[in-house]
C-alpha atoms as a PDB file:
ATOM      1  CA  ILE A   1      -6.546   3.326  -1.109  1.00  0.00           C
ATOM      2  CA  ASP A   2      -3.359   4.576  -2.711  1.00  0.00           C
ATOM      3  CA  LEU A   3      -3.581   7.357  -5.261  1.00  0.00           C
ATOM      4  CA  SER A   4       0.182   7.635  -5.655  1.00  0.00           C
ATOM      5  CA  VAL A   5       0.863   4.352  -7.466  1.00  0.00           C
ATOM      6  CA  GLY A   6       1.283   5.939 -10.918  1.00  0.00           C
ATOM      7  CA  THR A   7       3.648   8.700  -9.912  1.00  0.00           C
ATOM      8  CA  VAL A   8       5.600   6.442  -7.542  1.00  0.00           C
ATOM      9  CA  MET A   9       6.041   4.125 -10.528  1.00  0.00           C
ATOM     10  CA  THR A  10       7.345   7.091 -12.523  1.00  0.00           C
ATOM     11  CA  LEU A  11       9.691   8.208  -9.733  1.00  0.00           C
ATOM     12  CA  SER A  12      11.039   4.657  -9.467  1.00  0.00           C
ATOM     13  CA  ALA A  13      11.680   4.577 -13.220  1.00  0.00           C
ATOM     14  CA  VAL A  14      13.456   7.936 -13.029  1.00  0.00           C
ATOM     15  CA  MET A  15      15.624   6.793 -10.122  1.00  0.00           C
ATOM     16  CA  THR A  16      16.507   3.627 -12.029  1.00  0.00           C
ATOM     17  CA  GLY A  17      17.542   5.852 -14.933  1.00  0.00           C
ATOM     18  CA  VAL A  18      19.596   8.105 -12.691  1.00  0.00           C
ATOM     19  CA  PHE A  19      21.496   5.194 -11.167  1.00  0.00           C
ATOM     20  CA  ILE A  20      22.145   3.394 -14.461  1.00  0.00           C
ATOM     21  CA  THR A  21      22.533   6.253 -16.951  1.00  0.00           C
ATOM     22  CA  PHE A  22      23.663   9.332 -15.029  1.00  0.00           C
ATOM     23  CA  TRP A  23      25.846   7.628 -12.422  1.00  0.00           C
ATOM     24  CA  GLY A  24      26.941   4.680 -14.588  1.00  0.00           C
ATOM     25  CA  LEU A  25      26.238   2.057 -11.937  1.00  0.00           C
ATOM     26  CA  PRO A  26      25.535  -1.590 -12.837  1.00  0.00           C
ATOM     27  CA  ILE A  27      22.020  -2.522 -13.929  1.00  0.00           C
ATOM     28  CA  PRO A  28      21.231  -4.614 -10.807  1.00  0.00           C
ATOM     29  CA  VAL A  29      22.072  -1.597  -8.622  1.00  0.00           C
ATOM     30  CA  GLY A  30      19.714   0.561 -10.692  1.00  0.00           C
ATOM     31  CA  ILE A  31      16.957  -2.030 -10.380  1.00  0.00           C
ATOM     32  CA  VAL A  32      17.400  -2.206  -6.607  1.00  0.00           C
ATOM     33  CA  ALA A  33      17.332   1.621  -6.481  1.00  0.00           C
ATOM     34  CA  GLY A  34      14.021   1.659  -8.359  1.00  0.00           C
ATOM     35  CA  LEU A  35      12.503  -0.961  -6.073  1.00  0.00           C
ATOM     36  CA  ALA A  36      13.810   0.817  -2.969  1.00  0.00           C
ATOM     37  CA  THR A  37      12.406   4.142  -4.167  1.00  0.00           C
ATOM     38  CA  GLY A  38       8.954   2.620  -4.510  1.00  0.00           C
ATOM     39  CA  MET A  39       9.200   0.907  -1.152  1.00  0.00           C
ATOM     40  CA  LEU A  40      10.360   4.117   0.532  1.00  0.00           C
ATOM     41  CA  ALA A  41       7.411   6.054  -0.905  1.00  0.00           C
ATOM     42  CA  GLY A  42       5.032   3.324   0.272  1.00  0.00           C
ATOM     43  CA  THR A  43       6.577   3.334   3.734  1.00  0.00           C
ATOM     44  CA  VAL A  44       6.186   7.120   3.969  1.00  0.00           C
ATOM     45  CA  ASN A  45       2.540   6.741   2.929  1.00  0.00           C
ATOM     46  CA  GLY A  46       2.053   4.049   5.566  1.00  0.00           C
ATOM     47  CA  LEU A  47       3.666   6.117   8.307  1.00  0.00           C
ATOM     48  CA  PHE A  48       1.574   9.177   7.517  1.00  0.00           C
ATOM     49  CA  ILE A  49      -1.608   7.107   7.494  1.00  0.00           C
ATOM     50  CA  SER A  50      -0.961   4.812  10.450  1.00  0.00           C
ATOM     51  CA  ARG A  51       1.067   7.024  12.800  1.00  0.00           C
ATOM     52  CA  MET A  52      -0.181  10.516  12.008  1.00  0.00           C
ATOM     53  CA  ASN A  53      -3.798   9.436  11.324  1.00  0.00           C
ATOM     54  CA  ILE A  54      -3.954  11.302   8.027  1.00  0.00           C
ATOM     55  CA  PRO A  55      -6.747   9.894   5.847  1.00  0.00           C
ATOM     56  CA  PRO A  56      -5.340   7.617   3.114  1.00  0.00           C
ATOM     57  CA  PHE A  57      -6.910   9.701   0.362  1.00  0.00           C
ATOM     58  CA  ILE A  58      -5.115  12.861   1.550  1.00  0.00           C
ATOM     59  CA  ALA A  59      -1.763  11.211   2.383  1.00  0.00           C
ATOM     60  CA  THR A  60      -1.461   9.371  -0.913  1.00  0.00           C
ATOM     61  CA  LEU A  61      -2.675  12.399  -2.868  1.00  0.00           C
ATOM     62  CA  GLY A  62       0.170  14.346  -1.257  1.00  0.00           C
ATOM     63  CA  MET A  63       2.655  11.582  -2.142  1.00  0.00           C
ATOM     64  CA  MET A  64       1.321  11.650  -5.696  1.00  0.00           C
ATOM     65  CA  MET A  65       2.211  15.339  -5.974  1.00  0.00           C
ATOM     66  CA  ILE A  66       5.590  14.882  -4.258  1.00  0.00           C
ATOM     67  CA  ALA A  67       6.565  11.959  -6.511  1.00  0.00           C
ATOM     68  CA  ARG A  68       5.449  13.851  -9.617  1.00  0.00           C
ATOM     69  CA  GLY A  69       7.493  16.907  -8.623  1.00  0.00           C
ATOM     70  CA  LEU A  70      10.572  14.859  -7.729  1.00  0.00           C
ATOM     71  CA  SER A  71      10.376  12.985 -11.034  1.00  0.00           C
ATOM     72  CA  LEU A  72      10.338  16.240 -12.972  1.00  0.00           C
ATOM     73  CA  ILE A  73      13.100  17.870 -10.919  1.00  0.00           C
ATOM     74  CA  ILE A  74      15.454  14.865 -10.838  1.00  0.00           C
ATOM     75  CA  SER A  75      15.112  14.195 -14.563  1.00  0.00           C
ATOM     76  CA  GLY A  76      15.350  17.868 -15.507  1.00  0.00           C
ATOM     77  CA  VAL A  77      11.931  17.561 -17.230  1.00  0.00           C
ATOM     78  CA  LYS A  78      13.563  15.391 -19.903  1.00  0.00           C
ATOM     79  CA  PRO A  79      13.325  11.670 -20.574  1.00  0.00           C
ATOM     80  CA  ILE A  80      16.262   9.561 -19.442  1.00  0.00           C
ATOM     81  CA  TYR A  81      17.232   7.134 -22.214  1.00  0.00           C
ATOM     82  CA  PHE A  82      18.974   3.802 -21.679  1.00  0.00           C
ATOM     83  CA  ASN A  83      20.684   3.782 -25.093  1.00  0.00           C
ATOM     84  CA  ASP A  84      24.094   2.887 -23.645  1.00  0.00           C
ATOM     85  CA  THR A  85      22.713  -0.137 -21.770  1.00  0.00           C
ATOM     86  CA  PRO A  86      20.960  -2.477 -24.228  1.00  0.00           C
ATOM     87  CA  ALA A  87      20.975  -5.226 -21.598  1.00  0.00           C
ATOM     88  CA  PHE A  88      18.469  -3.227 -19.556  1.00  0.00           C
ATOM     89  CA  ARG A  89      15.922  -3.391 -22.375  1.00  0.00           C
ATOM     90  CA  GLN A  90      16.387  -7.171 -22.554  1.00  0.00           C
ATOM     91  CA  LEU A  91      15.187  -7.374 -18.953  1.00  0.00           C
ATOM     92  CA  THR A  92      11.596  -7.175 -20.222  1.00  0.00           C
ATOM     93  CA  MET A  93      11.787  -7.462 -24.006  1.00  0.00           C
ATOM     94  CA  GLY A  94      13.933 -10.583 -24.053  1.00  0.00           C
ATOM     95  CA  SER A  95      12.506 -14.033 -23.428  1.00  0.00           C
ATOM     96  CA  LEU A  96      13.744 -16.920 -21.334  1.00  0.00           C
ATOM     97  CA  ILE A  97      10.855 -19.123 -22.462  1.00  0.00           C
ATOM     98  CA  ALA A  98      10.170 -19.354 -26.205  1.00  0.00           C
ATOM     99  CA  ASP A  99       8.259 -16.319 -27.508  1.00  0.00           C
ATOM    100  CA  VAL A 100       7.034 -15.266 -24.035  1.00  0.00           C
ATOM    101  CA  PRO A 101       8.428 -11.813 -23.166  1.00  0.00           C
ATOM    102  CA  ASN A 102      10.122 -11.542 -19.801  1.00  0.00           C
ATOM    103  CA  ALA A 103       7.655  -8.782 -18.860  1.00  0.00           C
ATOM    104  CA  VAL A 104       4.860 -11.368 -18.899  1.00  0.00           C
ATOM    105  CA  MET A 105       6.936 -13.678 -16.721  1.00  0.00           C
ATOM    106  CA  ILE A 106       7.573 -10.814 -14.291  1.00  0.00           C
ATOM    107  CA  LEU A 107       3.817 -10.175 -14.168  1.00  0.00           C
ATOM    108  CA  PHE A 108       3.058 -13.800 -13.314  1.00  0.00           C
ATOM    109  CA  LEU A 109       5.870 -13.948 -10.772  1.00  0.00           C
ATOM    110  CA  ALA A 110       4.628 -10.762  -9.072  1.00  0.00           C
ATOM    111  CA  ALA A 111       1.071 -12.146  -9.021  1.00  0.00           C
ATOM    112  CA  LEU A 112       2.277 -15.414  -7.479  1.00  0.00           C
ATOM    113  CA  ILE A 113       4.290 -13.550  -4.841  1.00  0.00           C
ATOM    114  CA  ALA A 114       1.303 -11.336  -4.005  1.00  0.00           C
ATOM    115  CA  ALA A 115      -1.017 -14.363  -3.802  1.00  0.00           C
ATOM    116  CA  PHE A 116       1.451 -16.178  -1.552  1.00  0.00           C
ATOM    117  CA  ILE A 117       1.831 -13.185   0.755  1.00  0.00           C
ATOM    118  CA  LEU A 118      -1.924 -12.637   0.963  1.00  0.00           C
ATOM    119  CA  GLY A 119      -2.820 -16.297   1.423  1.00  0.00           C
ATOM    120  CA  LYS A 120       0.054 -17.852   3.359  1.00  0.00           C
ATOM    121  CA  THR A 121       1.744 -15.235   5.559  1.00  0.00           C
ATOM    122  CA  ILE A 122       0.954 -13.328   8.717  1.00  0.00           C
ATOM    123  CA  LEU A 123       1.039 -10.074   6.751  1.00  0.00           C
ATOM    124  CA  GLY A 124      -1.651 -11.480   4.456  1.00  0.00           C
ATOM    125  CA  ARG A 125      -3.844 -12.640   7.328  1.00  0.00           C
ATOM    126  CA  TYR A 126      -3.574  -9.309   9.105  1.00  0.00           C
ATOM    127  CA  THR A 127      -4.214  -7.443   5.865  1.00  0.00           C
ATOM    128  CA  VAL A 128      -7.461  -9.330   5.348  1.00  0.00           C
ATOM    129  CA  ALA A 129      -8.389  -8.820   9.005  1.00  0.00           C
ATOM    130  CA  MET A 130      -7.684  -5.079   8.860  1.00  0.00           C
ATOM    131  CA  GLY A 131      -9.660  -4.814   5.643  1.00  0.00           C
ATOM    132  CA  SER A 132     -12.621  -6.593   7.197  1.00  0.00           C
ATOM    133  CA  ASN A 133     -12.701  -4.760  10.523  1.00  0.00           C
ATOM    134  CA  GLU A 134      -9.734  -2.678  11.592  1.00  0.00           C
ATOM    135  CA  GLU A 135     -11.060  -1.941  15.082  1.00  0.00           C
ATOM    136  CA  ALA A 136     -11.715  -5.630  15.817  1.00  0.00           C
ATOM    137  CA  THR A 137      -8.195  -6.415  14.614  1.00  0.00           C
ATOM    138  CA  ARG A 138      -6.789  -3.751  16.922  1.00  0.00           C
ATOM    139  CA  LEU A 139      -8.813  -5.110  19.861  1.00  0.00           C
ATOM    140  CA  SER A 140      -7.457  -8.590  19.107  1.00  0.00           C
ATOM    141  CA  GLY A 141      -4.000  -7.358  20.044  1.00  0.00           C
ATOM    142  CA  VAL A 142      -2.599  -6.750  16.564  1.00  0.00           C
ATOM    143  CA  ASN A 143      -0.375  -3.707  16.165  1.00  0.00           C
ATOM    144  CA  VAL A 144      -2.426  -2.320  13.286  1.00  0.00           C
ATOM    145  CA  ALA A 145      -0.150   0.693  12.715  1.00  0.00           C
ATOM    146  CA  ASN A 146       2.932  -1.446  12.028  1.00  0.00           C
ATOM    147  CA  TRP A 147       1.122  -3.891   9.775  1.00  0.00           C
ATOM    148  CA  LYS A 148      -0.633  -1.121   7.872  1.00  0.00           C
ATOM    149  CA  THR A 149       2.732   0.522   7.237  1.00  0.00           C
ATOM    150  CA  GLY A 150       3.983  -2.834   5.966  1.00  0.00           C
ATOM    151  CA  VAL A 151       1.049  -3.124   3.574  1.00  0.00           C
ATOM    152  CA  TYR A 152       1.748   0.320   2.113  1.00  0.00           C
ATOM    153  CA  ALA A 153       5.480  -0.488   1.863  1.00  0.00           C
ATOM    154  CA  LEU A 154       4.651  -3.671  -0.055  1.00  0.00           C
ATOM    155  CA  GLY A 155       2.361  -1.700  -2.356  1.00  0.00           C
ATOM    156  CA  GLY A 156       5.190   0.772  -2.910  1.00  0.00           C
ATOM    157  CA  PHE A 157       7.545  -2.103  -3.707  1.00  0.00           C
ATOM    158  CA  PHE A 158       5.203  -3.337  -6.433  1.00  0.00           C
ATOM    159  CA  SER A 159       4.881   0.230  -7.767  1.00  0.00           C
ATOM    160  CA  GLY A 160       8.678   0.335  -7.896  1.00  0.00           C
ATOM    161  CA  LEU A 161       8.687  -2.968  -9.765  1.00  0.00           C
ATOM    162  CA  ALA A 162       6.215  -1.522 -12.261  1.00  0.00           C
ATOM    163  CA  GLY A 163       8.503   1.494 -12.692  1.00  0.00           C
ATOM    164  CA  VAL A 164      11.531  -0.672 -13.449  1.00  0.00           C
ATOM    165  CA  VAL A 165       9.537  -2.814 -15.884  1.00  0.00           C
ATOM    166  CA  ILE A 166       8.036   0.125 -17.772  1.00  0.00           C
ATOM    167  CA  ALA A 167      11.413   1.870 -17.964  1.00  0.00           C
ATOM    168  CA  SER A 168      12.886  -1.280 -19.459  1.00  0.00           C
ATOM    169  CA  ARG A 169      10.022  -1.726 -21.926  1.00  0.00           C
ATOM    170  CA  LEU A 170      10.167   1.896 -23.103  1.00  0.00           C
ATOM    171  CA  ASN A 171      13.978   1.983 -22.931  1.00  0.00           C
ATOM    172  CA  SER A 172      13.568   5.321 -21.165  1.00  0.00           C
ATOM    173  CA  ALA A 173      12.322   6.882 -17.957  1.00  0.00           C
ATOM    174  CA  GLN A 174       9.644   9.418 -18.844  1.00  0.00           C
ATOM    175  CA  PRO A 175       9.150  11.942 -16.006  1.00  0.00           C
ATOM    176  CA  ALA A 176       5.451  12.507 -16.786  1.00  0.00           C
ATOM    177  CA  LEU A 177       4.541   8.911 -17.549  1.00  0.00           C
ATOM    178  CA  GLY A 178       2.428   7.872 -14.547  1.00  0.00           C
ATOM    179  CA  ILE A 179      -0.135  10.658 -14.653  1.00  0.00           C
ATOM    180  CA  GLY A 180      -3.598   9.095 -14.624  1.00  0.00           C
ATOM    181  CA  TYR A 181      -2.454   5.564 -13.765  1.00  0.00           C
ATOM    182  CA  GLU A 182      -4.011   5.825 -10.301  1.00  0.00           C
ATOM    183  CA  LEU A 183      -7.469   5.954 -11.886  1.00  0.00           C
ATOM    184  CA  GLU A 184      -6.693   2.855 -13.952  1.00  0.00           C
ATOM    185  CA  ALA A 185      -5.520   1.061 -10.801  1.00  0.00           C
ATOM    186  CA  ILE A 186      -8.698   2.004  -8.929  1.00  0.00           C
ATOM    187  CA  ALA A 187     -10.842   0.935 -11.882  1.00  0.00           C
ATOM    188  CA  ALA A 188      -9.064  -2.426 -12.047  1.00  0.00           C
ATOM    189  CA  VAL A 189      -9.655  -3.008  -8.331  1.00  0.00           C
ATOM    190  CA  VAL A 190     -13.342  -2.076  -8.563  1.00  0.00           C
ATOM    191  CA  ILE A 191     -13.927  -4.174 -11.693  1.00  0.00           C
ATOM    192  CA  GLY A 192     -12.067  -7.062 -10.048  1.00  0.00           C
ATOM    193  CA  GLY A 193     -14.595  -7.079  -7.220  1.00  0.00           C
ATOM    194  CA  THR A 194     -12.346  -5.875  -4.421  1.00  0.00           C
END
Protein backbone atom coordinates (compact mmCIF):
# COMPACT_ATOMS: atom_id res chain seq x y z
CA ILE A 1 0.00 0.00 0.00
CA ASP A 2 1.25 3.48 -0.78
CA LEU A 3 -0.55 6.44 0.74
CA SER A 4 1.91 8.97 -0.66
CA VAL A 5 1.00 8.74 -4.36
CA GLY A 6 -1.01 11.99 -4.42
CA THR A 7 1.52 14.17 -2.67
CA VAL A 8 4.46 12.59 -4.50
CA MET A 9 2.61 13.48 -7.70
CA THR A 10 2.31 17.05 -6.43
CA LEU A 11 5.98 17.23 -5.42
CA SER A 12 6.97 15.93 -8.86
CA ALA A 13 4.84 18.61 -10.53
CA VAL A 14 6.41 21.29 -8.32
CA MET A 15 9.93 20.08 -9.11
CA THR A 16 9.10 20.09 -12.82
CA GLY A 17 7.94 23.69 -12.39
CA VAL A 18 11.08 24.65 -10.50
CA PHE A 19 13.37 23.22 -13.17
CA ILE A 20 11.48 24.69 -16.13
CA THR A 21 10.17 28.00 -14.76
CA PHE A 22 12.45 29.08 -11.92
CA TRP A 23 15.75 27.77 -13.29
CA GLY A 24 14.91 28.18 -16.99
CA LEU A 25 16.11 24.72 -17.98
CA PRO A 26 14.82 22.94 -21.10
CA ILE A 27 11.48 21.13 -20.88
CA PRO A 28 12.97 17.61 -21.22
CA VAL A 29 15.23 18.32 -18.22
CA GLY A 30 12.20 19.44 -16.20
CA ILE A 31 10.30 16.30 -17.18
CA VAL A 32 13.22 14.09 -16.16
CA ALA A 33 13.44 16.01 -12.85
CA GLY A 34 9.75 15.33 -12.18
CA LEU A 35 10.12 11.64 -12.97
CA ALA A 36 13.29 11.38 -10.87
CA THR A 37 11.60 13.10 -7.93
CA GLY A 38 8.80 10.55 -7.97
CA MET A 39 11.22 7.67 -8.31
CA LEU A 40 13.37 8.98 -5.46
CA ALA A 41 10.34 9.24 -3.17
CA GLY A 42 9.31 5.70 -4.10
CA THR A 43 12.81 4.41 -3.47
CA VAL A 44 12.87 6.06 -0.03
CA ASN A 45 9.50 4.44 0.72
CA GLY A 46 10.85 1.07 -0.41
CA LEU A 47 14.00 1.37 1.68
CA PHE A 48 12.09 2.31 4.81
CA ILE A 49 9.68 -0.58 4.32
CA SER A 50 12.08 -3.29 3.18
CA ARG A 51 15.27 -2.44 5.09
CA MET A 52 13.99 -0.79 8.25
CA ASN A 53 10.85 -2.99 8.53
CA ILE A 54 8.55 -0.01 8.99
CA PRO A 55 4.96 -0.98 8.12
CA PRO A 56 3.98 0.32 4.66
CA PHE A 57 1.05 2.27 6.06
CA ILE A 58 3.31 4.23 8.44
CA ALA A 59 6.22 4.73 6.01
CA THR A 60 4.08 5.98 3.16
CA LEU A 61 1.99 8.14 5.50
CA GLY A 62 5.25 9.78 6.59
CA MET A 63 6.30 10.27 2.95
CA MET A 64 2.89 11.78 2.26
CA MET A 65 3.51 14.43 4.93
CA ILE A 66 7.11 15.02 3.81
CA ALA A 67 6.12 15.43 0.15
CA ARG A 68 3.26 17.76 1.08
CA GLY A 69 5.56 19.92 3.20
CA LEU A 70 8.30 20.01 0.57
CA SER A 71 5.79 20.98 -2.12
CA LEU A 72 4.58 23.91 -0.05
CA ILE A 73 8.06 25.06 0.97
CA ILE A 74 9.68 24.74 -2.48
CA SER A 75 6.83 26.53 -4.25
CA GLY A 76 6.51 29.21 -1.58
CA VAL A 77 2.84 28.19 -1.09
CA LYS A 78 2.07 29.64 -4.54
CA PRO A 79 1.27 27.94 -7.82
CA ILE A 80 4.07 27.77 -10.37
CA TYR A 81 2.75 28.77 -13.80
CA PHE A 82 4.22 27.64 -17.11
CA ASN A 83 3.09 30.74 -19.03
CA ASP A 84 6.51 31.29 -20.62
CA THR A 85 6.67 27.72 -21.96
CA PRO A 86 3.60 27.02 -24.12
CA ALA A 87 5.31 23.91 -25.50
CA PHE A 88 5.00 22.27 -22.09
CA ARG A 89 1.21 22.51 -22.22
CA GLN A 90 1.25 20.87 -25.67
CA LEU A 91 2.86 17.82 -24.07
CA THR A 92 -0.60 16.69 -22.93
CA MET A 93 -3.09 19.02 -24.61
CA GLY A 94 -1.72 18.60 -28.11
CA SER A 95 -2.47 15.56 -30.24
CA LEU A 96 -0.26 13.41 -32.42
CA ILE A 97 -3.23 11.30 -33.53
CA ALA A 98 -6.32 13.14 -34.80
CA ASP A 99 -8.46 14.49 -31.94
CA VAL A 100 -6.90 12.18 -29.32
CA PRO A 101 -5.13 14.27 -26.65
CA ASN A 102 -1.57 13.26 -25.88
CA ALA A 103 -2.57 12.74 -22.23
CA VAL A 104 -4.74 9.80 -23.32
CA MET A 105 -1.84 8.38 -25.32
CA ILE A 106 0.43 8.74 -22.28
CA LEU A 107 -2.17 6.88 -20.20
CA PHE A 108 -2.29 3.98 -22.66
CA LEU A 109 1.49 3.90 -22.99
CA ALA A 110 1.91 3.83 -19.19
CA ALA A 111 -0.68 1.04 -18.93
CA LEU A 112 1.11 -0.99 -21.62
CA ILE A 113 4.47 -0.51 -19.90
CA ALA A 114 2.99 -1.55 -16.54
CA ALA A 115 1.32 -4.61 -18.11
CA PHE A 116 4.57 -5.59 -19.81
CA ILE A 117 6.57 -5.22 -16.61
CA LEU A 118 4.03 -7.19 -14.58
CA GLY A 119 3.54 -9.94 -17.15
CA LYS A 120 6.88 -10.35 -18.91
CA THR A 121 9.74 -9.38 -16.58
CA ILE A 122 11.44 -10.79 -13.52
CA LEU A 123 10.29 -7.78 -11.51
CA GLY A 124 6.70 -8.61 -12.46
CA ARG A 125 7.05 -12.28 -11.53
CA TYR A 126 8.62 -11.46 -8.19
CA THR A 127 6.01 -8.80 -7.52
CA VAL A 128 3.22 -11.32 -8.01
CA ALA A 129 5.10 -13.87 -5.90
CA MET A 130 5.68 -11.38 -3.07
CA GLY A 131 2.05 -10.34 -3.22
CA SER A 132 0.90 -13.95 -2.99
CA ASN A 133 3.23 -15.10 -0.21
CA GLU A 134 6.20 -12.98 0.75
CA GLU A 135 7.69 -15.53 3.15
CA ALA A 136 7.56 -18.33 0.56
CA THR A 137 9.23 -16.00 -1.93
CA ARG A 138 11.96 -15.23 0.58
CA LEU A 139 12.47 -18.95 1.30
CA SER A 140 12.77 -19.56 -2.45
CA GLY A 141 15.96 -17.53 -2.45
CA VAL A 142 14.60 -14.23 -3.74
CA ASN A 143 16.07 -11.09 -2.20
CA VAL A 144 12.66 -9.71 -1.24
CA ALA A 145 14.05 -6.45 0.19
CA ASN A 146 15.70 -5.41 -3.08
CA TRP A 147 12.72 -6.33 -5.24
CA LYS A 148 10.27 -4.65 -2.88
CA THR A 149 12.33 -1.47 -3.06
CA GLY A 150 12.20 -1.75 -6.85
CA VAL A 151 8.42 -2.07 -6.79
CA TYR A 152 8.07 1.08 -4.68
CA ALA A 153 10.56 2.92 -6.93
CA LEU A 154 8.49 1.96 -9.98
CA GLY A 155 5.33 3.16 -8.23
CA GLY A 156 7.10 6.43 -7.46
CA PHE A 157 8.12 6.73 -11.11
CA PHE A 158 4.49 6.45 -12.20
CA SER A 159 3.50 9.01 -9.54
CA GLY A 160 6.16 11.30 -11.01
CA LEU A 161 4.72 10.72 -14.47
CA ALA A 162 1.28 11.65 -13.16
CA GLY A 163 2.77 14.83 -11.68
CA VAL A 164 4.33 15.87 -14.98
CA VAL A 165 1.11 15.12 -16.87
CA ILE A 166 -1.14 17.02 -14.47
CA ALA A 167 1.24 19.99 -14.41
CA SER A 168 1.13 20.08 -18.19
CA ARG A 169 -2.66 19.77 -18.31
CA LEU A 170 -3.20 22.52 -15.73
CA ASN A 171 -0.33 24.62 -17.11
CA SER A 172 0.74 25.06 -13.50
CA ALA A 173 2.13 23.17 -10.53
CA GLN A 174 -0.29 23.56 -7.64
CA PRO A 175 1.43 22.85 -4.30
CA ALA A 176 -1.76 21.54 -2.63
CA LEU A 177 -3.10 19.58 -5.58
CA GLY A 178 -2.60 15.95 -4.54
CA ILE A 179 -4.40 16.05 -1.21
CA GLY A 180 -6.95 13.23 -1.14
CA TYR A 181 -5.69 11.46 -4.27
CA GLU A 182 -4.41 8.54 -2.19
CA LEU A 183 -7.99 7.64 -1.28
CA GLU A 184 -9.00 7.73 -4.95
CA ALA A 185 -6.06 5.46 -5.80
CA ILE A 186 -7.02 2.98 -3.07
CA ALA A 187 -10.65 3.05 -4.18
CA ALA A 188 -9.64 2.37 -7.78
CA VAL A 189 -7.52 -0.61 -6.71
CA VAL A 190 -10.30 -2.06 -4.54
CA ILE A 191 -12.98 -1.54 -7.20
CA GLY A 192 -10.64 -3.06 -9.79
CA GLY A 193 -10.51 -6.28 -7.78
CA THR A 194 -6.89 -6.12 -6.66
